[in-house]
N, C-alpha and C. Protein backbone atom coordinates (compact mmCIF):
# COMPACT_ATOMS: atom_id res chain seq x y z
N UNK A 1 3.14 21.50 -16.56
CA UNK A 1 1.70 21.32 -16.67
C UNK A 1 1.34 20.61 -17.97
N UNK A 2 1.96 21.01 -19.08
CA UNK A 2 1.66 20.36 -20.35
C UNK A 2 1.99 18.88 -20.32
N UNK A 3 3.03 18.54 -19.57
CA UNK A 3 3.42 17.14 -19.46
C UNK A 3 2.32 16.33 -18.78
N UNK A 4 1.66 16.91 -17.78
CA UNK A 4 0.57 16.21 -17.10
C UNK A 4 -0.62 15.99 -18.03
N UNK A 5 -0.95 17.00 -18.83
CA UNK A 5 -2.06 16.84 -19.75
C UNK A 5 -1.75 15.78 -20.80
N UNK A 6 -0.50 15.71 -21.20
CA UNK A 6 -0.10 14.68 -22.17
C UNK A 6 -0.29 13.30 -21.58
N UNK A 7 -0.08 13.16 -20.26
CA UNK A 7 -0.23 11.85 -19.62
C UNK A 7 -1.67 11.37 -19.67
N UNK A 8 -2.64 12.30 -19.65
CA UNK A 8 -4.04 11.89 -19.65
C UNK A 8 -4.45 11.27 -20.98
N UNK A 9 -3.73 11.55 -22.04
CA UNK A 9 -4.06 11.02 -23.36
C UNK A 9 -3.24 9.79 -23.72
N UNK A 10 -2.25 9.45 -22.89
CA UNK A 10 -1.38 8.32 -23.18
C UNK A 10 -1.94 7.02 -22.64
N UNK A 11 -1.56 5.95 -23.28
CA UNK A 11 -1.87 4.61 -22.77
C UNK A 11 -0.57 4.01 -22.28
N UNK A 12 -0.65 3.30 -21.17
CA UNK A 12 0.52 2.69 -20.57
C UNK A 12 0.34 1.18 -20.59
N UNK A 13 1.39 0.45 -20.89
CA UNK A 13 1.32 -1.01 -20.97
C UNK A 13 1.63 -1.65 -19.62
N UNK A 14 1.12 -2.85 -19.43
CA UNK A 14 1.44 -3.63 -18.25
C UNK A 14 2.95 -3.72 -18.09
N UNK A 15 3.44 -3.50 -16.87
CA UNK A 15 4.86 -3.58 -16.58
C UNK A 15 5.58 -2.24 -16.64
N UNK A 16 4.96 -1.22 -17.26
CA UNK A 16 5.58 0.10 -17.32
C UNK A 16 5.52 0.76 -15.95
N UNK A 17 6.43 1.68 -15.71
CA UNK A 17 6.48 2.39 -14.43
C UNK A 17 5.47 3.54 -14.42
N UNK A 18 4.80 3.72 -13.30
CA UNK A 18 3.81 4.79 -13.13
C UNK A 18 4.56 6.11 -12.93
N UNK A 19 4.18 7.14 -13.70
CA UNK A 19 4.84 8.44 -13.62
C UNK A 19 4.15 9.40 -12.67
N UNK A 20 2.83 9.31 -12.53
CA UNK A 20 2.06 10.24 -11.72
C UNK A 20 1.13 9.49 -10.78
N UNK A 21 1.00 9.98 -9.56
CA UNK A 21 0.01 9.43 -8.63
C UNK A 21 -1.37 9.69 -9.21
N UNK A 22 -2.24 8.71 -9.15
CA UNK A 22 -3.59 8.93 -9.65
C UNK A 22 -4.38 7.66 -9.85
N UNK A 23 -5.56 7.86 -10.36
CA UNK A 23 -6.48 6.76 -10.65
C UNK A 23 -6.33 6.41 -12.13
N UNK A 24 -6.15 5.14 -12.42
CA UNK A 24 -5.97 4.67 -13.79
C UNK A 24 -7.05 3.65 -14.11
N UNK A 25 -7.47 3.60 -15.37
CA UNK A 25 -8.43 2.59 -15.82
C UNK A 25 -7.75 1.70 -16.85
N UNK A 26 -8.11 0.42 -16.82
CA UNK A 26 -7.54 -0.49 -17.82
C UNK A 26 -8.52 -0.66 -18.97
N UNK A 27 -8.09 -1.35 -20.01
CA UNK A 27 -8.92 -1.50 -21.20
C UNK A 27 -10.14 -2.40 -20.96
N UNK A 28 -10.22 -3.03 -19.80
CA UNK A 28 -11.36 -3.88 -19.46
C UNK A 28 -12.34 -3.19 -18.52
N UNK A 29 -12.09 -1.91 -18.22
CA UNK A 29 -13.00 -1.15 -17.36
C UNK A 29 -12.63 -1.16 -15.89
N UNK A 30 -11.56 -1.85 -15.53
CA UNK A 30 -11.12 -1.87 -14.14
C UNK A 30 -10.44 -0.56 -13.75
N UNK A 31 -10.53 -0.20 -12.48
CA UNK A 31 -9.89 1.01 -11.99
C UNK A 31 -8.95 0.66 -10.85
N UNK A 32 -7.83 1.41 -10.79
CA UNK A 32 -6.84 1.12 -9.77
C UNK A 32 -6.10 2.41 -9.41
N UNK A 33 -5.92 2.61 -8.12
CA UNK A 33 -5.15 3.74 -7.62
C UNK A 33 -3.69 3.34 -7.60
N UNK A 34 -2.86 4.08 -8.33
CA UNK A 34 -1.43 3.78 -8.43
C UNK A 34 -0.61 5.01 -8.07
N UNK A 35 0.57 4.77 -7.53
CA UNK A 35 1.45 5.86 -7.13
C UNK A 35 2.76 5.79 -7.91
N UNK A 36 3.42 6.94 -8.03
CA UNK A 36 4.68 7.04 -8.76
C UNK A 36 5.65 5.95 -8.30
N UNK A 37 6.24 5.27 -9.25
CA UNK A 37 7.18 4.20 -8.94
C UNK A 37 6.55 2.81 -8.98
N UNK A 38 5.21 2.73 -8.86
CA UNK A 38 4.53 1.44 -9.01
C UNK A 38 4.69 0.96 -10.44
N UNK A 39 4.34 -0.28 -10.69
CA UNK A 39 4.30 -0.82 -12.05
C UNK A 39 2.85 -1.14 -12.39
N UNK A 40 2.48 -0.90 -13.65
CA UNK A 40 1.13 -1.23 -14.08
C UNK A 40 0.96 -2.74 -14.09
N UNK A 41 -0.05 -3.25 -13.38
CA UNK A 41 -0.22 -4.70 -13.29
C UNK A 41 -0.99 -5.28 -14.48
N UNK A 42 -0.96 -6.59 -14.58
CA UNK A 42 -1.78 -7.30 -15.55
C UNK A 42 -3.21 -7.39 -15.02
N UNK A 43 -4.15 -7.55 -15.93
CA UNK A 43 -5.53 -7.80 -15.53
C UNK A 43 -5.58 -9.21 -14.95
N UNK A 44 -6.29 -9.42 -13.84
CA UNK A 44 -6.28 -10.74 -13.19
C UNK A 44 -6.79 -11.89 -14.06
N UNK A 45 -7.69 -11.61 -15.00
CA UNK A 45 -8.24 -12.68 -15.84
C UNK A 45 -7.77 -12.60 -17.28
N UNK A 46 -7.57 -11.39 -17.79
CA UNK A 46 -7.25 -11.22 -19.21
C UNK A 46 -5.76 -11.11 -19.49
N UNK A 47 -4.94 -10.93 -18.45
CA UNK A 47 -3.50 -10.83 -18.65
C UNK A 47 -3.05 -9.42 -18.97
N UNK A 48 -2.00 -9.27 -19.78
CA UNK A 48 -1.47 -7.93 -20.09
C UNK A 48 -2.54 -7.04 -20.71
N UNK A 49 -2.53 -5.78 -20.32
CA UNK A 49 -3.53 -4.83 -20.78
C UNK A 49 -2.91 -3.45 -20.90
N UNK A 50 -3.68 -2.48 -21.33
CA UNK A 50 -3.21 -1.10 -21.37
C UNK A 50 -3.99 -0.29 -20.33
N UNK A 51 -3.34 0.75 -19.82
CA UNK A 51 -3.91 1.60 -18.77
C UNK A 51 -3.98 3.03 -19.26
N UNK A 52 -5.04 3.74 -18.86
CA UNK A 52 -5.21 5.14 -19.20
C UNK A 52 -5.38 5.94 -17.93
N UNK A 53 -4.74 7.10 -17.87
CA UNK A 53 -4.83 7.97 -16.72
C UNK A 53 -6.24 8.54 -16.61
N UNK A 54 -6.84 8.48 -15.41
CA UNK A 54 -8.20 8.97 -15.22
C UNK A 54 -8.28 10.23 -14.36
N UNK A 55 -7.48 10.30 -13.29
CA UNK A 55 -7.58 11.44 -12.37
C UNK A 55 -6.28 11.61 -11.59
N UNK A 56 -5.91 12.89 -11.36
CA UNK A 56 -4.70 13.17 -10.59
C UNK A 56 -4.87 12.76 -9.15
N UNK A 57 -3.77 12.39 -8.53
CA UNK A 57 -3.82 11.89 -7.18
C UNK A 57 -3.25 12.82 -6.14
N UNK A 58 -3.30 14.14 -6.37
CA UNK A 58 -2.70 15.04 -5.40
C UNK A 58 -3.41 15.01 -4.04
N UNK A 59 -4.66 14.58 -3.98
CA UNK A 59 -5.37 14.48 -2.70
C UNK A 59 -5.62 13.03 -2.31
N UNK A 60 -5.21 12.10 -3.13
CA UNK A 60 -5.55 10.70 -2.89
C UNK A 60 -4.84 10.12 -1.67
N UNK A 61 -3.63 10.53 -1.41
CA UNK A 61 -2.88 9.99 -0.27
C UNK A 61 -3.49 10.38 1.06
N UNK A 62 -4.22 11.48 1.10
CA UNK A 62 -4.82 11.94 2.36
C UNK A 62 -6.18 11.31 2.60
N UNK A 63 -6.68 10.55 1.64
CA UNK A 63 -7.98 9.92 1.79
C UNK A 63 -9.13 10.82 1.42
N UNK A 64 -8.84 11.94 0.77
CA UNK A 64 -9.87 12.91 0.42
C UNK A 64 -10.60 12.53 -0.86
N UNK A 65 -10.14 11.50 -1.54
CA UNK A 65 -10.75 11.11 -2.81
C UNK A 65 -12.07 10.40 -2.58
N UNK A 66 -13.09 10.89 -3.24
CA UNK A 66 -14.39 10.22 -3.24
C UNK A 66 -14.95 10.36 -4.63
N UNK A 67 -15.65 9.35 -5.08
CA UNK A 67 -16.23 9.40 -6.42
C UNK A 67 -17.66 9.84 -6.34
């Protein structure tokens, strides 16, 4: 559990591997749903960026996620 909370405070760089299913935000305000094993993408206009964990994805695969 502590490892998950630590992930919410970490920033991830473009190209790094995603550790947890969930919603991530980039430094430009974009949001993207990523799953374990994916790679953090570059921003389409700004290029390499950093990503921050926003929300756990334990219900995201079932389509139960709504904002």
